[in-house]
Every structure is written in structure tokens, then in C-alpha cells.
Amino acid sequence: MYITFRVRHYWSKVSNLSFFTLEKDGGLTDNNSVNQNLNQNYNAFNVDMVYSWRFAPGSEMNIVWKNAIGTFGKEVVNNYFKNIDNTLSSPQNNSISFKILYYLDYLQLRRKKP
């Protein structure tokens, strides 16, 4: 028997400072016409816990719990701890799965029949 436990956090952010227009000659000119907030703050936080039990040769039982949080916003938080706190207080998806694999030896089953 064994248990594995994994925690992952991915954080990606984009803070736009200014916008430019690409000219036909390859040059850039300031573009002040963009007046909307196009910043991005994305977080993915996952927890996976797997309990495995090998109860016979080739046979195994798994119980798996998964927790997933995904957030996307236009306000960039530059402090890691505030960002992770906002992420952990967001809605979560939880799932539990159960799997049993049992090895049947066909040749041994065949021998028992008269």
C-alpha cells in the first residue's frame, strides 16, 4: 500500500504598459486608442492524492481524490501570497474515483473445469 500526494500551482500574468501599431515598413508608432484593461492574471491550482493497494499479483485498487481551481482575471496581483490567497478562496472542483484491476489467470481457471 502507498499514498502519493501532489500539489501544483501555475501562475501567469501579463501587465500591459503601452500599445503600439505595426506600420507597413516594420516600424512601431504609439497607439493611444486602446482604452480598455487588457491585463491578464491566470492561476491553476491542483491537488491529487492517490491511495494504491496491490492486494494480489497483477491486481490493484486505487482511490483517487482530485481538487482543481482555475481563475482568470484582468487585475494583476503582483504579491504571490495575496494571489494564492485569492486563488484558494475561489470555487473548487473536487472528484473522487475508485478503480479495481483484478488479474484472472485463464489457464488456471480452465484447469479447474472437468
N, C-alpha and C. Protein backbone atom coordinates (compact mmCIF):
# COMPACT_ATOMS: atom_id res chain seq x y z
N MET A 1 0.84 -1.18 0.00
CA MET A 1 0.00 0.00 0.00
C MET A 1 0.89 1.24 0.00
N TYR A 2 0.40 2.26 -0.66
CA TYR A 2 1.11 3.53 -0.62
C TYR A 2 0.16 4.67 -1.00
N ILE A 3 0.55 5.87 -0.60
CA ILE A 3 -0.21 7.08 -0.90
C ILE A 3 0.72 8.07 -1.59
N THR A 4 0.27 8.66 -2.67
CA THR A 4 1.01 9.76 -3.31
C THR A 4 0.16 11.03 -3.19
N PHE A 5 0.85 12.14 -3.01
CA PHE A 5 0.18 13.43 -2.80
C PHE A 5 0.95 14.48 -3.60
N ARG A 6 0.26 15.15 -4.51
CA ARG A 6 0.91 16.17 -5.35
C ARG A 6 0.12 17.47 -5.28
N VAL A 7 0.85 18.58 -5.15
CA VAL A 7 0.24 19.91 -5.17
C VAL A 7 0.98 20.72 -6.23
N ARG A 8 0.21 21.33 -7.14
CA ARG A 8 0.81 22.13 -8.21
C ARG A 8 0.11 23.49 -8.29
N HIS A 9 0.90 24.53 -8.51
CA HIS A 9 0.35 25.86 -8.73
C HIS A 9 1.04 26.47 -9.94
N TYR A 10 0.24 26.93 -10.90
CA TYR A 10 0.77 27.62 -12.08
C TYR A 10 0.17 29.01 -12.08
N TRP A 11 1.04 30.02 -12.27
CA TRP A 11 0.61 31.41 -12.27
C TRP A 11 1.22 32.10 -13.47
N SER A 12 0.38 32.76 -14.25
CA SER A 12 0.84 33.52 -15.41
C SER A 12 0.15 34.88 -15.38
N LYS A 13 0.94 35.92 -15.61
CA LYS A 13 0.38 37.27 -15.57
C LYS A 13 0.96 38.12 -16.70
N VAL A 14 0.14 39.04 -17.17
CA VAL A 14 0.56 39.99 -18.21
C VAL A 14 0.09 41.37 -17.79
N SER A 15 1.03 42.29 -17.61
CA SER A 15 0.72 43.68 -17.29
C SER A 15 1.15 44.54 -18.48
N ASN A 16 0.18 45.00 -19.24
CA ASN A 16 0.49 45.82 -20.42
C ASN A 16 0.83 47.23 -19.99
N LEU A 17 1.96 47.73 -20.45
CA LEU A 17 2.39 49.09 -20.12
C LEU A 17 1.99 50.08 -21.20
N SER A 18 2.09 49.66 -22.46
CA SER A 18 1.72 50.54 -23.57
C SER A 18 1.42 49.68 -24.80
N PHE A 19 0.76 50.31 -25.79
CA PHE A 19 0.38 49.62 -27.01
C PHE A 19 0.96 50.37 -28.20
N PHE A 20 1.28 49.61 -29.24
CA PHE A 20 1.86 50.17 -30.45
C PHE A 20 1.14 49.62 -31.66
N THR A 21 1.27 50.34 -32.78
CA THR A 21 0.73 49.90 -34.06
C THR A 21 1.91 49.55 -34.95
N LEU A 22 1.85 48.40 -35.59
CA LEU A 22 2.89 47.96 -36.51
C LEU A 22 2.63 48.58 -37.87
N GLU A 23 3.57 49.38 -38.34
CA GLU A 23 3.45 50.05 -39.64
C GLU A 23 3.88 49.10 -40.76
N LYS A 24 3.54 49.44 -41.99
CA LYS A 24 3.89 48.61 -43.15
C LYS A 24 5.39 48.48 -43.34
N ASP A 25 6.15 49.51 -42.95
CA ASP A 25 7.61 49.45 -43.10
C ASP A 25 8.29 48.70 -41.95
N GLY A 26 7.48 48.17 -41.00
CA GLY A 26 8.04 47.41 -39.88
C GLY A 26 8.27 48.25 -38.64
N GLY A 27 8.05 49.53 -38.71
CA GLY A 27 8.23 50.41 -37.56
C GLY A 27 7.02 50.38 -36.63
N LEU A 28 7.22 50.93 -35.44
CA LEU A 28 6.16 51.00 -34.45
C LEU A 28 5.81 52.44 -34.14
N THR A 29 4.51 52.70 -33.98
CA THR A 29 4.06 54.01 -33.54
C THR A 29 3.15 53.83 -32.33
N ASP A 30 3.19 54.80 -31.43
CA ASP A 30 2.34 54.73 -30.24
C ASP A 30 0.88 54.64 -30.64
N ASN A 31 0.14 53.77 -29.93
CA ASN A 31 -1.30 53.63 -30.17
C ASN A 31 -2.00 53.97 -28.86
N ASN A 32 -2.58 55.15 -28.78
CA ASN A 32 -3.27 55.58 -27.57
C ASN A 32 -4.77 55.33 -27.64
N SER A 33 -5.25 54.68 -28.71
CA SER A 33 -6.68 54.46 -28.86
C SER A 33 -7.18 53.26 -28.03
N VAL A 34 -6.28 52.43 -27.53
CA VAL A 34 -6.70 51.30 -26.70
C VAL A 34 -6.95 51.83 -25.29
N ASN A 35 -8.21 51.82 -24.89
CA ASN A 35 -8.54 52.37 -23.58
C ASN A 35 -9.19 51.32 -22.66
N GLN A 36 -9.04 50.07 -22.97
CA GLN A 36 -9.60 49.02 -22.10
C GLN A 36 -8.48 48.29 -21.37
N ASN A 37 -8.85 47.66 -20.28
CA ASN A 37 -7.88 46.90 -19.48
C ASN A 37 -7.68 45.53 -20.13
N LEU A 38 -6.52 45.30 -20.70
CA LEU A 38 -6.20 44.03 -21.35
C LEU A 38 -5.18 43.22 -20.55
N ASN A 39 -5.00 43.57 -19.28
CA ASN A 39 -4.10 42.79 -18.42
C ASN A 39 -4.73 41.42 -18.16
N GLN A 40 -3.87 40.46 -17.82
CA GLN A 40 -4.35 39.10 -17.58
C GLN A 40 -3.66 38.51 -16.35
N ASN A 41 -4.43 37.80 -15.53
CA ASN A 41 -3.90 37.11 -14.36
C ASN A 41 -4.55 35.73 -14.34
N TYR A 42 -3.76 34.68 -14.59
CA TYR A 42 -4.29 33.31 -14.68
C TYR A 42 -3.63 32.42 -13.62
N ASN A 43 -4.44 31.62 -12.94
CA ASN A 43 -3.95 30.68 -11.93
C ASN A 43 -4.59 29.32 -12.14
N ALA A 44 -3.79 28.29 -11.97
CA ALA A 44 -4.29 26.92 -11.95
C ALA A 44 -3.66 26.26 -10.72
N PHE A 45 -4.52 25.73 -9.84
CA PHE A 45 -4.05 25.10 -8.61
C PHE A 45 -4.68 23.72 -8.55
N ASN A 46 -3.87 22.67 -8.41
CA ASN A 46 -4.35 21.29 -8.39
C ASN A 46 -3.76 20.53 -7.21
N VAL A 47 -4.59 19.66 -6.64
CA VAL A 47 -4.15 18.73 -5.61
C VAL A 47 -4.60 17.34 -6.06
N ASP A 48 -3.69 16.39 -6.07
CA ASP A 48 -4.01 15.00 -6.40
C ASP A 48 -3.52 14.11 -5.27
N MET A 49 -4.40 13.23 -4.78
CA MET A 49 -4.00 12.25 -3.77
C MET A 49 -4.48 10.88 -4.24
N VAL A 50 -3.55 9.93 -4.28
CA VAL A 50 -3.85 8.59 -4.76
C VAL A 50 -3.47 7.58 -3.69
N TYR A 51 -4.43 6.74 -3.31
CA TYR A 51 -4.18 5.62 -2.41
C TYR A 51 -4.19 4.36 -3.27
N SER A 52 -3.11 3.61 -3.27
CA SER A 52 -2.99 2.38 -4.07
C SER A 52 -2.70 1.19 -3.17
N TRP A 53 -3.36 0.08 -3.49
CA TRP A 53 -3.15 -1.16 -2.73
C TRP A 53 -3.02 -2.29 -3.73
N ARG A 54 -1.87 -2.92 -3.75
CA ARG A 54 -1.64 -4.11 -4.57
C ARG A 54 -1.94 -5.32 -3.70
N PHE A 55 -3.12 -5.88 -3.86
CA PHE A 55 -3.58 -6.93 -2.96
C PHE A 55 -3.32 -8.34 -3.47
N ALA A 56 -2.91 -8.48 -4.72
CA ALA A 56 -2.54 -9.78 -5.30
C ALA A 56 -1.66 -9.50 -6.50
N PRO A 57 -0.90 -10.51 -6.97
CA PRO A 57 -0.06 -10.28 -8.15
C PRO A 57 -0.89 -9.82 -9.36
N GLY A 58 -0.53 -8.68 -9.89
CA GLY A 58 -1.23 -8.12 -11.05
C GLY A 58 -2.55 -7.45 -10.72
N SER A 59 -2.94 -7.39 -9.45
CA SER A 59 -4.23 -6.81 -9.04
C SER A 59 -3.99 -5.60 -8.16
N GLU A 60 -4.81 -4.57 -8.38
CA GLU A 60 -4.59 -3.31 -7.68
C GLU A 60 -5.92 -2.58 -7.47
N MET A 61 -6.01 -1.85 -6.37
CA MET A 61 -7.15 -0.98 -6.10
C MET A 61 -6.62 0.44 -5.91
N ASN A 62 -7.29 1.42 -6.55
CA ASN A 62 -6.92 2.83 -6.43
C ASN A 62 -8.12 3.65 -5.99
N ILE A 63 -7.89 4.53 -5.05
CA ILE A 63 -8.87 5.56 -4.69
C ILE A 63 -8.16 6.90 -4.93
N VAL A 64 -8.77 7.75 -5.78
CA VAL A 64 -8.12 8.99 -6.20
C VAL A 64 -9.02 10.17 -5.85
N TRP A 65 -8.43 11.18 -5.21
CA TRP A 65 -9.12 12.45 -4.93
C TRP A 65 -8.39 13.55 -5.68
N LYS A 66 -9.16 14.36 -6.41
CA LYS A 66 -8.57 15.48 -7.16
C LYS A 66 -9.32 16.76 -6.80
N ASN A 67 -8.56 17.82 -6.61
CA ASN A 67 -9.10 19.14 -6.34
C ASN A 67 -8.48 20.08 -7.38
N ALA A 68 -9.33 20.86 -8.05
CA ALA A 68 -8.83 21.77 -9.09
C ALA A 68 -9.48 23.14 -8.93
N ILE A 69 -8.64 24.17 -9.05
CA ILE A 69 -9.11 25.55 -9.03
C ILE A 69 -8.48 26.26 -10.23
N GLY A 70 -9.29 26.96 -10.98
CA GLY A 70 -8.79 27.76 -12.09
C GLY A 70 -9.39 29.15 -12.03
N THR A 71 -8.55 30.18 -12.10
CA THR A 71 -9.04 31.55 -12.08
C THR A 71 -8.42 32.34 -13.22
N PHE A 72 -9.19 33.29 -13.72
CA PHE A 72 -8.70 34.21 -14.75
C PHE A 72 -9.31 35.57 -14.47
N GLY A 73 -8.48 36.58 -14.43
CA GLY A 73 -8.98 37.92 -14.17
C GLY A 73 -8.15 38.98 -14.88
N LYS A 74 -8.65 40.19 -14.85
CA LYS A 74 -7.97 41.30 -15.50
C LYS A 74 -7.18 42.15 -14.53
N GLU A 75 -7.29 41.85 -13.23
CA GLU A 75 -6.50 42.57 -12.23
C GLU A 75 -5.28 41.73 -11.87
N VAL A 76 -4.10 42.25 -12.17
CA VAL A 76 -2.86 41.53 -11.88
C VAL A 76 -2.45 41.80 -10.45
N VAL A 77 -2.26 40.72 -9.70
CA VAL A 77 -1.81 40.81 -8.32
C VAL A 77 -0.33 40.46 -8.32
N ASN A 78 0.54 41.39 -7.94
CA ASN A 78 1.98 41.14 -8.01
C ASN A 78 2.55 40.48 -6.76
N ASN A 79 1.77 40.36 -5.71
CA ASN A 79 2.22 39.71 -4.49
C ASN A 79 1.78 38.24 -4.56
N TYR A 80 2.75 37.31 -4.47
CA TYR A 80 2.44 35.89 -4.60
C TYR A 80 1.45 35.42 -3.54
N PHE A 81 1.63 35.80 -2.30
CA PHE A 81 0.78 35.30 -1.22
C PHE A 81 -0.65 35.84 -1.32
N LYS A 82 -0.82 37.10 -1.76
CA LYS A 82 -2.17 37.62 -1.99
C LYS A 82 -2.81 36.90 -3.17
N ASN A 83 -2.02 36.64 -4.21
CA ASN A 83 -2.52 35.95 -5.38
C ASN A 83 -2.98 34.53 -5.04
N ILE A 84 -2.17 33.79 -4.30
CA ILE A 84 -2.54 32.41 -3.95
C ILE A 84 -3.74 32.41 -3.00
N ASP A 85 -3.83 33.41 -2.11
CA ASP A 85 -4.98 33.50 -1.22
C ASP A 85 -6.27 33.74 -2.02
N ASN A 86 -6.21 34.63 -3.03
CA ASN A 86 -7.38 34.85 -3.90
C ASN A 86 -7.74 33.58 -4.65
N THR A 87 -6.74 32.85 -5.10
CA THR A 87 -6.99 31.62 -5.85
C THR A 87 -7.65 30.57 -4.96
N LEU A 88 -7.14 30.38 -3.75
CA LEU A 88 -7.68 29.35 -2.86
C LEU A 88 -9.08 29.68 -2.36
N SER A 89 -9.48 30.95 -2.40
CA SER A 89 -10.84 31.32 -1.98
C SER A 89 -11.83 31.27 -3.14
N SER A 90 -11.39 30.85 -4.32
CA SER A 90 -12.27 30.73 -5.49
C SER A 90 -12.99 29.38 -5.47
N PRO A 91 -14.06 29.24 -6.28
CA PRO A 91 -14.77 27.96 -6.35
C PRO A 91 -13.83 26.83 -6.79
N GLN A 92 -14.10 25.64 -6.23
CA GLN A 92 -13.24 24.48 -6.48
C GLN A 92 -14.03 23.34 -7.11
N ASN A 93 -13.33 22.50 -7.86
CA ASN A 93 -13.90 21.26 -8.39
C ASN A 93 -13.23 20.10 -7.68
N ASN A 94 -14.01 19.23 -7.08
CA ASN A 94 -13.48 18.06 -6.39
C ASN A 94 -14.05 16.81 -7.04
N SER A 95 -13.24 15.77 -7.13
CA SER A 95 -13.72 14.49 -7.65
C SER A 95 -13.03 13.35 -6.92
N ILE A 96 -13.76 12.26 -6.78
CA ILE A 96 -13.23 11.04 -6.19
C ILE A 96 -13.52 9.91 -7.17
N SER A 97 -12.51 9.09 -7.42
CA SER A 97 -12.70 7.94 -8.29
C SER A 97 -12.16 6.69 -7.61
N PHE A 98 -12.72 5.57 -8.01
CA PHE A 98 -12.39 4.28 -7.41
C PHE A 98 -12.18 3.30 -8.56
N LYS A 99 -11.06 2.55 -8.52
CA LYS A 99 -10.75 1.61 -9.60
C LYS A 99 -10.18 0.33 -9.01
N ILE A 100 -10.66 -0.80 -9.54
CA ILE A 100 -10.11 -2.10 -9.16
C ILE A 100 -9.70 -2.84 -10.43
N LEU A 101 -8.46 -3.28 -10.45
CA LEU A 101 -7.96 -4.16 -11.51
C LEU A 101 -7.70 -5.52 -10.87
N TYR A 102 -8.26 -6.57 -11.46
CA TYR A 102 -8.07 -7.90 -10.90
C TYR A 102 -7.57 -8.81 -12.00
N TYR A 103 -6.46 -9.45 -11.75
CA TYR A 103 -5.84 -10.33 -12.72
C TYR A 103 -6.46 -11.72 -12.62
N LEU A 104 -7.02 -12.20 -13.73
CA LEU A 104 -7.54 -13.56 -13.82
C LEU A 104 -6.62 -14.37 -14.72
N ASP A 105 -6.17 -15.50 -14.22
CA ASP A 105 -5.31 -16.38 -15.00
C ASP A 105 -6.19 -17.39 -15.73
N TYR A 106 -6.36 -17.18 -17.02
CA TYR A 106 -7.24 -18.02 -17.83
C TYR A 106 -6.82 -19.48 -17.79
N LEU A 107 -5.54 -19.75 -17.85
CA LEU A 107 -5.08 -21.14 -17.86
C LEU A 107 -5.40 -21.85 -16.55
N GLN A 108 -5.30 -21.17 -15.44
CA GLN A 108 -5.62 -21.78 -14.15
C GLN A 108 -7.13 -21.99 -14.02
N LEU A 109 -7.95 -21.09 -14.52
CA LEU A 109 -9.39 -21.27 -14.50
C LEU A 109 -9.82 -22.44 -15.38
N ARG A 110 -9.17 -22.62 -16.49
CA ARG A 110 -9.51 -23.68 -17.43
C ARG A 110 -9.20 -25.05 -16.83
N ARG A 111 -8.13 -25.19 -16.06
CA ARG A 111 -7.74 -26.46 -15.46
C ARG A 111 -8.76 -26.96 -14.45
N LYS A 112 -9.46 -26.07 -13.78
CA LYS A 112 -10.40 -26.46 -12.73
C LYS A 112 -11.68 -27.07 -13.29
N LYS A 113 -12.02 -26.83 -14.53
CA LYS A 113 -13.23 -27.39 -15.12
C LYS A 113 -13.01 -28.86 -15.45
N PRO A 114 -14.03 -29.76 -15.24
CA PRO A 114 -13.86 -31.18 -15.56
C PRO A 114 -13.84 -31.46 -17.05
